PDB file of N, CA and C in Angstrom:
ATOM      1  N   MET A   1     117.865  52.136   7.619  1.00  0.00           N
ATOM      2  CA  MET A   1     117.382  52.419   6.465  1.00  0.00           C
ATOM      3  C   MET A   1     116.137  52.907   6.009  1.00  0.00           C
ATOM      4  N   VAL A   2     116.219  54.301   5.300  1.00  0.00           N
ATOM      5  CA  VAL A   2     115.370  54.765   5.053  1.00  0.00           C
ATOM      6  C   VAL A   2     114.519  53.578   4.003  1.00  0.00           C
ATOM      7  N   GLY A   3     112.903  53.498   3.717  1.00  0.00           N
ATOM      8  CA  GLY A   3     112.289  52.821   3.531  1.00  0.00           C
ATOM      9  C   GLY A   3     112.330  51.404   4.107  1.00  0.00           C
ATOM     10  N   GLY A   4     112.469  50.548   4.755  1.00  0.00           N
ATOM     11  CA  GLY A   4     113.018  49.260   4.125  1.00  0.00           C
ATOM     12  C   GLY A   4     113.482  49.301   5.305  1.00  0.00           C
ATOM     13  N   MET A   5     113.163  47.493   6.194  1.00  0.00           N
ATOM     14  CA  MET A   5     114.069  47.062   7.400  1.00  0.00           C
ATOM     15  C   MET A   5     115.494  46.861   7.427  1.00  0.00           C
ATOM     16  N   SER A   6     115.783  47.067   8.264  1.00  0.00           N
ATOM     17  CA  SER A   6     117.386  47.107   8.206  1.00  0.00           C
ATOM     18  C   SER A   6     117.761  45.868   8.385  1.00  0.00           C
ATOM     19  N   GLU A   7     118.651  46.388   8.654  1.00  0.00           N
ATOM     20  CA  GLU A   7     119.559  44.805   8.838  1.00  0.00           C
ATOM     21  C   GLU A   7     118.936  43.656  10.763  1.00  0.00           C
ATOM     22  N   THR A   8     118.740  42.796  10.788  1.00  0.00           N
ATOM     23  CA  THR A   8     118.395  42.256  12.096  1.00  0.00           C
ATOM     24  C   THR A   8     119.785  42.293  13.257  1.00  0.00           C
ATOM     25  N   ILE A   9     119.279  42.271  14.121  1.00  0.00           N
ATOM     26  CA  ILE A   9     120.076  42.541  15.404  1.00  0.00           C
ATOM     27  C   ILE A   9     119.448  41.328  16.258  1.00  0.00           C
ATOM     28  N   THR A  10     120.420  41.708  17.915  1.00  0.00           N
ATOM     29  CA  THR A  10     119.965  40.791  18.897  1.00  0.00           C
ATOM     30  C   THR A  10     119.586  41.185  19.986  1.00  0.00           C
ATOM     31  N   PHE A  11     119.178  40.641  20.917  1.00  0.00           N
ATOM     32  CA  PHE A  11     118.583  41.870  21.750  1.00  0.00           C
ATOM     33  C   PHE A  11     119.486  42.908  22.473  1.00  0.00           C
ATOM     34  N   PRO A  12     120.962  41.990  22.291  1.00  0.00           N
ATOM     35  CA  PRO A  12     121.184  42.430  23.496  1.00  0.00           C
ATOM     36  C   PRO A  12     122.124  43.598  22.821  1.00  0.00           C
ATOM     37  N   ASP A  13     122.044  44.139  21.241  1.00  0.00           N
ATOM     38  CA  ASP A  13     121.956  44.609  20.190  1.00  0.00           C
ATOM     39  C   ASP A  13     121.158  46.641  20.757  1.00  0.00           C
ATOM     40  N   PHE A  14     119.798  45.919  21.301  1.00  0.00           N
ATOM     41  CA  PHE A  14     119.207  47.339  21.464  1.00  0.00           C
ATOM     42  C   PHE A  14     119.552  47.261  22.985  1.00  0.00           C
ATOM     43  N   GLU A  15     119.953  46.027  23.756  1.00  0.00           N
ATOM     44  CA  GLU A  15     119.659  47.008  25.080  1.00  0.00           C
ATOM     45  C   GLU A  15     121.613  47.617  25.093  1.00  0.00           C
ATOM     46  N   ARG A  16     122.351  47.618  24.747  1.00  0.00           N
ATOM     47  CA  ARG A  16     123.103  48.664  24.356  1.00  0.00           C
ATOM     48  C   ARG A  16     123.141  50.367  23.260  1.00  0.00           C
ATOM     49  N   VAL A  17     122.215  50.490  24.093  1.00  0.00           N
ATOM     50  CA  VAL A  17     121.484  51.843  22.902  1.00  0.00           C
ATOM     51  C   VAL A  17     120.664  51.836  24.430  1.00  0.00           C
ATOM     52  N   ASP A  18     121.139  53.067  25.114  1.00  0.00           N
ATOM     53  CA  ASP A  18     120.279  53.334  26.331  1.00  0.00           C
ATOM     54  C   ASP A  18     119.166  55.022  26.107  1.00  0.00           C
ATOM     55  N   ILE A  19     118.034  54.266  25.724  1.00  0.00           N
ATOM     56  CA  ILE A  19     117.117  55.233  25.129  1.00  0.00           C
ATOM     57  C   ILE A  19     116.440  55.732  26.996  1.00  0.00           C
ATOM     58  N   ARG A  20     116.585  57.502  27.116  1.00  0.00           N
ATOM     59  CA  ARG A  20     116.060  57.779  28.171  1.00  0.00           C
ATOM     60  C   ARG A  20     114.439  58.680  28.223  1.00  0.00           C
ATOM     61  N   VAL A  21     113.961  59.200  29.432  1.00  0.00           N
ATOM     62  CA  VAL A  21     113.281  59.883  28.780  1.00  0.00           C
ATOM     63  C   VAL A  21     113.732  60.816  29.837  1.00  0.00           C
ATOM     64  N   GLY A  22     112.956  62.380  29.284  1.00  0.00           N
ATOM     65  CA  GLY A  22     113.630  63.997  29.947  1.00  0.00           C
ATOM     66  C   GLY A  22     112.825  64.355  29.923  1.00  0.00           C
ATOM     67  N   THR A  23     112.661  65.710  30.727  1.00  0.00           N
ATOM     68  CA  THR A  23     112.295  66.979  30.727  1.00  0.00           C
ATOM     69  C   THR A  23     112.081  68.355  29.907  1.00  0.00           C
ATOM     70  N   ILE A  24     112.396  69.037  28.960  1.00  0.00           N
ATOM     71  CA  ILE A  24     112.806  69.930  28.405  1.00  0.00           C
ATOM     72  C   ILE A  24     112.593  71.400  29.808  1.00  0.00           C
ATOM     73  N   VAL A  25     114.317  72.077  29.963  1.00  0.00           N
ATOM     74  CA  VAL A  25     114.351  72.761  30.854  1.00  0.00           C
ATOM     75  C   VAL A  25     114.122  74.099  30.169  1.00  0.00           C
ATOM     76  N   GLU A  26     114.952  73.931  28.863  1.00  0.00           N
ATOM     77  CA  GLU A  26     115.241  75.553  27.992  1.00  0.00           C
ATOM     78  C   GLU A  26     115.088  74.925  26.284  1.00  0.00           C
ATOM     79  N   ALA A  27     114.829  75.737  25.552  1.00  0.00           N
ATOM     80  CA  ALA A  27     114.555  75.537  24.391  1.00  0.00           C
ATOM     81  C   ALA A  27     114.836  76.866  23.559  1.00  0.00           C
ATOM     82  N   ARG A  28     116.111  77.340  23.444  1.00  0.00           N
ATOM     83  CA  ARG A  28     115.820  78.488  22.513  1.00  0.00           C
ATOM     84  C   ARG A  28     116.491  78.410  20.904  1.00  0.00           C
ATOM     85  N   PRO A  29     116.255  78.551  19.855  1.00  0.00           N
ATOM     86  CA  PRO A  29     116.091  79.337  18.201  1.00  0.00           C
ATOM     87  C   PRO A  29     118.278  79.074  18.416  1.00  0.00           C
ATOM     88  N   PHE A  30     118.831  78.306  17.511  1.00  0.00           N
ATOM     89  CA  PHE A  30     119.728  77.511  17.278  1.00  0.00           C
ATOM     90  C   PHE A  30     120.407  78.481  15.791  1.00  0.00           C
ATOM     91  N   GLU A  31     120.578  79.561  16.682  1.00  0.00           N
ATOM     92  CA  GLU A  31     121.182  81.032  15.585  1.00  0.00           C
ATOM     93  C   GLU A  31     122.437  80.430  14.749  1.00  0.00           C
ATOM     94  N   GLY A  32     121.886  80.745  13.124  1.00  0.00           N
ATOM     95  CA  GLY A  32     123.017  80.544  13.285  1.00  0.00           C
ATOM     96  C   GLY A  32     123.765  78.682  12.824  1.00  0.00           C
ATOM     97  N   ALA A  33     122.595  77.899  12.506  1.00  0.00           N
ATOM     98  CA  ALA A  33     122.883  76.239  11.892  1.00  0.00           C
ATOM     99  C   ALA A  33     122.186  76.386  11.076  1.00  0.00           C
ATOM    100  N   ARG A  34     123.061  75.783  10.042  1.00  0.00           N
ATOM    101  CA  ARG A  34     122.962  75.372   8.484  1.00  0.00           C
ATOM    102  C   ARG A  34     121.456  74.934   8.314  1.00  0.00           C
ATOM    103  N   LYS A  35     121.193  74.149   9.218  1.00  0.00           N
ATOM    104  CA  LYS A  35     119.441  73.548   9.076  1.00  0.00           C
ATOM    105  C   LYS A  35     118.711  74.338   9.792  1.00  0.00           C
ATOM    106  N   PRO A  36     117.486  74.674  10.268  1.00  0.00           N
ATOM    107  CA  PRO A  36     116.773  75.037  11.380  1.00  0.00           C
ATOM    108  C   PRO A  36     117.247  73.900  11.929  1.00  0.00           C
ATOM    109  N   ALA A  37     116.898  74.700  13.304  1.00  0.00           N
ATOM    110  CA  ALA A  37     116.993  73.510  14.823  1.00  0.00           C
ATOM    111  C   ALA A  37     116.635  74.310  16.269  1.00  0.00           C
ATOM    112  N   ILE A  38     117.113  74.144  16.756  1.00  0.00           N
ATOM    113  CA  ILE A  38     116.297  74.328  18.152  1.00  0.00           C
ATOM    114  C   ILE A  38     117.585  73.155  19.573  1.00  0.00           C
ATOM    115  N   GLN A  39     118.139  74.049  19.842  1.00  0.00           N
ATOM    116  CA  GLN A  39     118.666  73.704  21.383  1.00  0.00           C
ATOM    117  C   GLN A  39     118.204  73.341  22.462  1.00  0.00           C
ATOM    118  N   LEU A  40     118.150  72.099  23.116  1.00  0.00           N
ATOM    119  CA  LEU A  40     117.675  72.387  23.455  1.00  0.00           C
ATOM    120  C   LEU A  40     118.326  71.243  25.595  1.00  0.00           C
ATOM    121  N   VAL A  41     117.762  71.975  26.788  1.00  0.00           N
ATOM    122  CA  VAL A  41     118.436  71.473  27.363  1.00  0.00           C
ATOM    123  C   VAL A  41     117.160  70.413  28.377  1.00  0.00           C
ATOM    124  N   ILE A  42     117.780  69.033  28.864  1.00  0.00           N
ATOM    125  CA  ILE A  42     117.145  68.231  28.808  1.00  0.00           C
ATOM    126  C   ILE A  42     117.317  67.817  30.350  1.00  0.00           C
ATOM    127  N   ASP A  43     116.324  67.579  31.349  1.00  0.00           N
ATOM    128  CA  ASP A  43     116.456  67.348  32.692  1.00  0.00           C
ATOM    129  C   ASP A  43     116.186  65.760  32.185  1.00  0.00           C
ATOM    130  N   PHE A  44     117.598  64.753  32.736  1.00  0.00           N
ATOM    131  CA  PHE A  44     117.112  63.575  33.237  1.00  0.00           C
ATOM    132  C   PHE A  44     117.599  62.540  34.149  1.00  0.00           C
ATOM    133  N   GLY A  45     116.818  63.538  35.070  1.00  0.00           N
ATOM    134  CA  GLY A  45     117.210  62.975  36.611  1.00  0.00           C
ATOM    135  C   GLY A  45     118.296  63.194  36.954  1.00  0.00           C
ATOM    136  N   THR A  46     118.090  62.779  38.578  1.00  0.00           N
ATOM    137  CA  THR A  46     119.557  62.934  38.925  1.00  0.00           C
ATOM    138  C   THR A  46     120.744  61.847  38.947  1.00  0.00           C
ATOM    139  N   GLU A  47     120.147  60.777  38.098  1.00  0.00           N
ATOM    140  CA  GLU A  47     121.841  59.958  37.996  1.00  0.00           C
ATOM    141  C   GLU A  47     122.004  60.252  36.358  1.00  0.00           C
ATOM    142  N   LEU A  48     121.465  61.359  35.691  1.00  0.00           N
ATOM    143  CA  LEU A  48     121.818  61.427  34.802  1.00  0.00           C
ATOM    144  C   LEU A  48     121.905  63.166  34.431  1.00  0.00           C
ATOM    145  N   GLY A  49     121.105  63.673  35.649  1.00  0.00           N
ATOM    146  CA  GLY A  49     121.171  65.215  34.844  1.00  0.00           C
ATOM    147  C   GLY A  49     121.120  65.946  33.960  1.00  0.00           C
ATOM    148  N   THR A  50     121.102  66.883  33.483  1.00  0.00           N
ATOM    149  CA  THR A  50     120.950  67.809  32.121  1.00  0.00           C
ATOM    150  C   THR A  50     121.915  66.786  31.645  1.00  0.00           C
ATOM    151  N   ARG A  51     121.456  67.753  30.195  1.00  0.00           N
ATOM    152  CA  ARG A  51     122.694  67.321  28.983  1.00  0.00           C
ATOM    153  C   ARG A  51     121.827  68.378  27.409  1.00  0.00           C
ATOM    154  N   LYS A  52     122.167  68.459  26.981  1.00  0.00           N
ATOM    155  CA  LYS A  52     122.455  69.446  25.647  1.00  0.00           C
ATOM    156  C   LYS A  52     121.976  68.680  23.949  1.00  0.00           C
ATOM    157  N   SER A  53     120.792  68.589  23.368  1.00  0.00           N
ATOM    158  CA  SER A  53     121.010  68.018  21.970  1.00  0.00           C
ATOM    159  C   SER A  53     120.535  69.592  21.304  1.00  0.00           C
ATOM    160  N   SER A  54     121.004  69.092  19.913  1.00  0.00           N
ATOM    161  CA  SER A  54     120.177  70.584  19.336  1.00  0.00           C
ATOM    162  C   SER A  54     119.215  69.124  17.923  1.00  0.00           C
ATOM    163  N   ALA A  55     118.125  70.057  17.388  1.00  0.00           N
ATOM    164  CA  ALA A  55     116.975  68.915  17.395  1.00  0.00           C
ATOM    165  C   ALA A  55     116.992  69.628  16.546  1.00  0.00           C
ATOM    166  N   GLN A  56     116.147  69.198  14.950  1.00  0.00           N
ATOM    167  CA  GLN A  56     115.240  70.031  13.656  1.00  0.00           C
ATOM    168  C   GLN A  56     114.110  69.976  13.925  1.00  0.00           C
ATOM    169  N   LEU A  57     113.795  70.989  15.077  1.00  0.00           N
ATOM    170  CA  LEU A  57     112.097  70.365  15.420  1.00  0.00           C
ATOM    171  C   LEU A  57     111.475  71.698  15.112  1.00  0.00           C
ATOM    172  N   THR A  58     111.613  72.614  13.981  1.00  0.00           N
ATOM    173  CA  THR A  58     111.027  73.505  13.345  1.00  0.00           C
ATOM    174  C   THR A  58     110.014  73.804  12.932  1.00  0.00           C
ATOM    175  N   THR A  59     110.093  72.533  11.974  1.00  0.00           N
ATOM    176  CA  THR A  59     108.407  72.561  11.712  1.00  0.00           C
ATOM    177  C   THR A  59     106.910  72.734  12.939  1.00  0.00           C
ATOM    178  N   HIS A  60     107.309  72.261  13.632  1.00  0.00           N
ATOM    179  CA  HIS A  60     106.090  71.484  14.621  1.00  0.00           C
ATOM    180  C   HIS A  60     106.403  72.556  15.870  1.00  0.00           C
ATOM    181  N   TYR A  61     107.617  72.497  16.402  1.00  0.00           N
ATOM    182  CA  TYR A  61     107.528  73.005  17.433  1.00  0.00           C
ATOM    183  C   TYR A  61     108.119  74.209  17.511  1.00  0.00           C
ATOM    184  N   THR A  62     108.128  75.449  18.608  1.00  0.00           N
ATOM    185  CA  THR A  62     109.002  76.375  18.928  1.00  0.00           C
ATOM    186  C   THR A  62     109.248  76.254  19.989  1.00  0.00           C
ATOM    187  N   PRO A  63     110.061  77.451  20.381  1.00  0.00           N
ATOM    188  CA  PRO A  63     111.579  76.521  21.714  1.00  0.00           C
ATOM    189  C   PRO A  63     110.370  76.772  23.286  1.00  0.00           C
ATOM    190  N   GLU A  64     109.298  78.195  23.709  1.00  0.00           N
ATOM    191  CA  GLU A  64     108.653  78.350  24.183  1.00  0.00           C
ATOM    192  C   GLU A  64     107.104  76.752  24.435  1.00  0.00           C
ATOM    193  N   ALA A  65     107.038  76.974  23.350  1.00  0.00           N
ATOM    194  CA  ALA A  65     105.658  75.435  23.686  1.00  0.00           C
ATOM    195  C   ALA A  65     106.718  74.191  23.546  1.00  0.00           C
ATOM    196  N   LEU A  66     108.320  74.402  23.812  1.00  0.00           N
ATOM    197  CA  LEU A  66     109.199  72.925  24.461  1.00  0.00           C
ATOM    198  C   LEU A  66     109.315  73.021  25.387  1.00  0.00           C
ATOM    199  N   VAL A  67     109.358  73.465  26.043  1.00  0.00           N
ATOM    200  CA  VAL A  67     109.638  73.698  27.904  1.00  0.00           C
ATOM    201  C   VAL A  67     108.293  73.397  28.282  1.00  0.00           C
ATOM    202  N   GLY A  68     109.124  71.955  29.137  1.00  0.00           N
ATOM    203  CA  GLY A  68     108.175  71.638  30.349  1.00  0.00           C
ATOM    204  C   GLY A  68     107.557  69.503  29.584  1.00  0.00           C
ATOM    205  N   ARG A  69     108.297  69.684  28.763  1.00  0.00           N
ATOM    206  CA  ARG A  69     107.416  69.041  27.542  1.00  0.00           C
ATOM    207  C   ARG A  69     108.603  67.538  27.786  1.00  0.00           C
ATOM    208  N   GLN A  70     107.781  65.628  28.164  1.00  0.00           N
ATOM    209  CA  GLN A  70     109.235  65.502  28.445  1.00  0.00           C
ATOM    210  C   GLN A  70     109.004  64.683  26.893  1.00  0.00           C
ATOM    211  N   VAL A  71     110.603  64.360  26.277  1.00  0.00           N
ATOM    212  CA  VAL A  71     111.396  63.754  24.961  1.00  0.00           C
ATOM    213  C   VAL A  71     111.544  61.997  25.443  1.00  0.00           C
ATOM    214  N   ALA A  72     112.292  61.736  24.246  1.00  0.00           N
ATOM    215  CA  ALA A  72     112.914  60.396  24.177  1.00  0.00           C
ATOM    216  C   ALA A  72     114.898  60.843  23.646  1.00  0.00           C
ATOM    217  N   ALA A  73     115.218  60.325  24.400  1.00  0.00           N
ATOM    218  CA  ALA A  73     116.724  60.081  23.700  1.00  0.00           C
ATOM    219  C   ALA A  73     117.514  59.723  23.831  1.00  0.00           C
ATOM    220  N   VAL A  74     118.551  59.160  23.498  1.00  0.00           N
ATOM    221  CA  VAL A  74     119.710  58.125  23.575  1.00  0.00           C
ATOM    222  C   VAL A  74     120.880  59.186  23.734  1.00  0.00           C
ATOM    223  N   VAL A  75     120.807  58.465  25.477  1.00  0.00           N
ATOM    224  CA  VAL A  75     122.101  59.001  25.978  1.00  0.00           C
ATOM    225  C   VAL A  75     123.145  59.182  25.707  1.00  0.00           C
ATOM    226  N   ASN A  76     123.576  57.742  25.248  1.00  0.00           N
ATOM    227  CA  ASN A  76     125.224  56.738  25.226  1.00  0.00           C
ATOM    228  C   ASN A  76     125.809  56.785  24.105  1.00  0.00           C
ATOM    229  N   PHE A  77     125.186  58.286  23.136  1.00  0.00           N
ATOM    230  CA  PHE A  77     125.879  58.172  21.819  1.00  0.00           C
ATOM    231  C   PHE A  77     126.822  59.182  22.861  1.00  0.00           C
ATOM    232  N   PRO A  78     128.430  59.286  21.845  1.00  0.00           N
ATOM    233  CA  PRO A  78     129.360  59.949  22.434  1.00  0.00           C
ATOM    234  C   PRO A  78     128.970  61.552  21.551  1.00  0.00           C
ATOM    235  N   PRO A  79     129.384  62.793  22.149  1.00  0.00           N
ATOM    236  CA  PRO A  79     128.531  64.451  22.099  1.00  0.00           C
ATOM    237  C   PRO A  79     129.164  64.284  20.866  1.00  0.00           C
ATOM    238  N   ARG A  80     128.106  65.313  20.093  1.00  0.00           N
ATOM    239  CA  ARG A  80     128.687  65.960  18.788  1.00  0.00           C
ATOM    240  C   ARG A  80     128.550  67.459  18.946  1.00  0.00           C
ATOM    241  N   GLN A  81     129.698  68.518  17.673  1.00  0.00           N
ATOM    242  CA  GLN A  81     130.055  68.765  17.287  1.00  0.00           C
ATOM    243  C   GLN A  81     128.767  69.471  17.280  1.00  0.00           C
ATOM    244  N   ILE A  82     128.511  70.307  16.626  1.00  0.00           N
ATOM    245  CA  ILE A  82     127.455  71.178  15.885  1.00  0.00           C
ATOM    246  C   ILE A  82     127.865  72.384  15.866  1.00  0.00           C
ATOM    247  N   GLY A  83     128.238  72.968  14.958  1.00  0.00           N
ATOM    248  CA  GLY A  83     128.906  74.251  14.965  1.00  0.00           C
ATOM    249  C   GLY A  83     129.595  74.984  16.219  1.00  0.00           C
ATOM    250  N   LYS A  84     129.285  75.096  17.057  1.00  0.00           N
ATOM    251  CA  LYS A  84     130.245  76.567  17.893  1.00  0.00           C
ATOM    252  C   LYS A  84     128.891  75.409  18.997  1.00  0.00           C
ATOM    253  N   PHE A  85     127.727  74.505  18.805  1.00  0.00           N
ATOM    254  CA  PHE A  85     127.680  73.492  20.342  1.00  0.00           C
ATOM    255  C   PHE A  85     127.753  72.763  20.537  1.00  0.00           C
ATOM    256  N   MET A  86     127.746  72.224  21.625  1.00  0.00           N
ATOM    257  CA  MET A  86     128.351  70.568  22.031  1.00  0.00           C
ATOM    258  C   MET A  86     126.994  70.014  21.990  1.00  0.00           C
ATOM    259  N   SER A  87     126.334  68.584  21.244  1.00  0.00           N
ATOM    260  CA  SER A  87     125.143  67.955  21.233  1.00  0.00           C
ATOM    261  C   SER A  87     125.639  66.787  22.062  1.00  0.00           C
ATOM    262  N   GLN A  88     124.755  66.366  23.017  1.00  0.00           N
ATOM    263  CA  GLN A  88     124.983  65.573  24.096  1.00  0.00           C
ATOM    264  C   GLN A  88     124.428  63.860  23.416  1.00  0.00           C
ATOM    265  N   VAL A  89     123.099  64.207  23.661  1.00  0.00           N
ATOM    266  CA  VAL A  89     122.594  63.532  23.080  1.00  0.00           C
ATOM    267  C   VAL A  89     121.545  63.849  21.348  1.00  0.00           C
ATOM    268  N   LEU A  90     121.190  62.753  21.660  1.00  0.00           N
ATOM    269  CA  LEU A  90     119.773  62.694  20.485  1.00  0.00           C
ATOM    270  C   LEU A  90     119.169  62.062  20.963  1.00  0.00           C
ATOM    271  N   THR A  91     117.435  63.459  20.731  1.00  0.00           N
ATOM    272  CA  THR A  91     116.517  63.406  20.771  1.00  0.00           C
ATOM    273  C   THR A  91     115.571  62.972  19.738  1.00  0.00           C
ATOM    274  N   LEU A  92     114.753  61.711  19.998  1.00  0.00           N
ATOM    275  CA  LEU A  92     114.632  60.982  19.101  1.00  0.00           C
ATOM    276  C   LEU A  92     112.953  61.385  18.196  1.00  0.00           C
ATOM    277  N   GLY A  93     112.571  61.453  17.615  1.00  0.00           N
ATOM    278  CA  GLY A  93     111.082  61.978  16.633  1.00  0.00           C
ATOM    279  C   GLY A  93     110.964  61.025  15.499  1.00  0.00           C
ATOM    280  N   PHE A  94     110.410  61.160  14.643  1.00  0.00           N
ATOM    281  CA  PHE A  94     109.724  60.124  13.200  1.00  0.00           C
ATOM    282  C   PHE A  94     109.684  61.173  12.100  1.00  0.00           C
ATOM    283  N   PRO A  95     110.086  61.342  10.937  1.00  0.00           N
ATOM    284  CA  PRO A  95     109.112  62.310  10.182  1.00  0.00           C
ATOM    285  C   PRO A  95     107.848  62.089   9.527  1.00  0.00           C
ATOM    286  N   ASP A  96     107.509  63.633   9.317  1.00  0.00           N
ATOM    287  CA  ASP A  96     105.651  63.503   9.169  1.00  0.00           C
ATOM    288  C   ASP A  96     106.253  63.532   7.190  1.00  0.00           C
ATOM    289  N   GLU A  97     105.073  62.808   7.124  1.00  0.00           N
ATOM    290  CA  GLU A  97     104.933  63.717   5.668  1.00  0.00           C
ATOM    291  C   GLU A  97     105.515  64.864   4.595  1.00  0.00           C
ATOM    292  N   THR A  98     106.412  65.292   4.637  1.00  0.00           N
ATOM    293  CA  THR A  98     106.822  66.236   4.653  1.00  0.00           C
ATOM    294  C   THR A  98     108.169  66.524   4.872  1.00  0.00           C
ATOM    295  N   GLY A  99     108.199  65.284   5.970  1.00  0.00           N
ATOM    296  CA  GLY A  99     110.120  65.198   6.371  1.00  0.00           C
ATOM    297  C   GLY A  99     109.947  66.237   7.748  1.00  0.00           C
ATOM    298  N   GLY A 100     109.417  67.080   8.119  1.00  0.00           N
ATOM    299  CA  GLY A 100     109.078  67.553   9.508  1.00  0.00           C
ATOM    300  C   GLY A 100     109.560  66.147  10.699  1.00  0.00           C
ATOM    301  N   VAL A 101     109.843  66.969  11.862  1.00  0.00           N
ATOM    302  CA  VAL A 101     110.156  66.160  13.287  1.00  0.00           C
ATOM    303  C   VAL A 101     109.218  66.329  13.235  1.00  0.00           C
ATOM    304  N   VAL A 102     108.715  65.359  13.963  1.00  0.00           N
ATOM    305  CA  VAL A 102     107.257  64.497  14.902  1.00  0.00           C
ATOM    306  C   VAL A 102     108.304  63.901  16.336  1.00  0.00           C
ATOM    307  N   LEU A 103     108.176  63.946  18.025  1.00  0.00           N
ATOM    308  CA  LEU A 103     108.710  64.221  18.557  1.00  0.00           C
ATOM    309  C   LEU A 103     108.091  62.922  19.518  1.00  0.00           C
ATOM    310  N   ILE A 104     108.934  61.629  20.073  1.00  0.00           N
ATOM    311  CA  ILE A 104     108.440  60.252  20.289  1.00  0.00           C
ATOM    312  C   ILE A 104     108.645  60.962  21.734  1.00  0.00           C
ATOM    313  N   VAL A 105     107.081  60.931  22.212  1.00  0.00           N
ATOM    314  CA  VAL A 105     106.771  60.956  23.803  1.00  0.00           C
ATOM    315  C   VAL A 105     105.839  60.963  24.604  1.00  0.00           C
ATOM    316  N   PRO A 106     106.621  60.536  25.777  1.00  0.00           N
ATOM    317  CA  PRO A 106     105.085  59.310  26.752  1.00  0.00           C
ATOM    318  C   PRO A 106     103.762  59.886  26.502  1.00  0.00           C
ATOM    319  N   ASP A 107     102.555  58.760  26.983  1.00  0.00           N
ATOM    320  CA  ASP A 107     101.856  59.583  26.813  1.00  0.00           C
ATOM    321  C   ASP A 107     100.615  59.633  28.069  1.00  0.00           C
ATOM    322  N   LYS A 108     101.936  59.442  28.962  1.00  0.00           N
ATOM    323  CA  LYS A 108     101.416  59.643  30.558  1.00  0.00           C
ATOM    324  C   LYS A 108     102.612  60.588  30.762  1.00  0.00           C
ATOM    325  N   ALA A 109     102.918  60.900  32.054  1.00  0.00           N
ATOM    326  CA  ALA A 109     104.861  61.877  32.367  1.00  0.00           C
ATOM    327  C   ALA A 109     104.532  60.561  33.228  1.00  0.00           C
ATOM    328  N   VAL A 110     105.767  60.075  33.087  1.00  0.00           N
ATOM    329  CA  VAL A 110     107.045  59.004  34.011  1.00  0.00           C
ATOM    330  C   VAL A 110     108.577  60.055  34.912  1.00  0.00           C
ATOM    331  N   PRO A 111     108.798  59.678  35.451  1.00  0.00           N
ATOM    332  CA  PRO A 111     109.960  59.833  36.134  1.00  0.00           C
ATOM    333  C   PRO A 111     111.017  60.416  35.055  1.00  0.00           C
ATOM    334  N   ASN A 112     111.870  61.778  34.965  1.00  0.00           N
ATOM    335  CA  ASN A 112     112.865  61.953  34.380  1.00  0.00           C
ATOM    336  C   ASN A 112     113.467  60.485  34.739  1.00  0.00           C
ATOM    337  N   GLY A 113     114.526  59.983  33.162  1.00  0.00           N
ATOM    338  CA  GLY A 113     115.377  59.189  33.343  1.00  0.00           C
ATOM    339  C   GLY A 113     114.760  58.078  33.471  1.00  0.00           C
ATOM    340  N   GLY A 114     113.886  57.705  33.109  1.00  0.00           N
ATOM    341  CA  GLY A 114     113.979  56.110  32.986  1.00  0.00           C
ATOM    342  C   GLY A 114     113.960  55.839  31.583  1.00  0.00           C
ATOM    343  N   LYS A 115     114.834  54.615  31.251  1.00  0.00           N
ATOM    344  CA  LYS A 115     115.352  54.337  30.736  1.00  0.00           C
ATOM    345  C   LYS A 115     113.454  53.111  29.290  1.00  0.00           C
ATOM    346  N   LEU A 116     114.174  53.629  28.025  1.00  0.00           N
ATOM    347  CA  LEU A 116     112.919  52.007  27.343  1.00  0.00           C
ATOM    348  C   LEU A 116     113.241  51.437  27.735  1.00  0.00           C
ATOM    349  N   PHE A 117     112.510  50.137  27.701  1.00  0.00           N
ATOM    350  CA  PHE A 117     113.221  49.109  27.793  1.00  0.00           C
ATOM    351  C   PHE A 117     111.750  47.762  26.638  1.00  0.00           C
TER     352      PHE A 117
END
């Protein structure tokens, strides 16, 4: 819910959301997207491998500046078709004061694939 609290959930509800850290290994502009976005390939380590994501990050980030950065993503949503691109994970961020996305990132390097708890 935007602007207010969502309904209360239980800890098992939280545990069902699989949020992992990964390193962006490829990033390119999403040509033809309805809203400006960047296509990402994120390395989640040996267990999960690489996954693709479309993220509306163009306000604060360029594709070149994203490569090598660690990000948090929900990895257990079903894939979502976005135009001709299949997004496999949801890269997480917060909106700034104008709605531009600011990535959620660890403040120290951690192993790819680490699960948020």
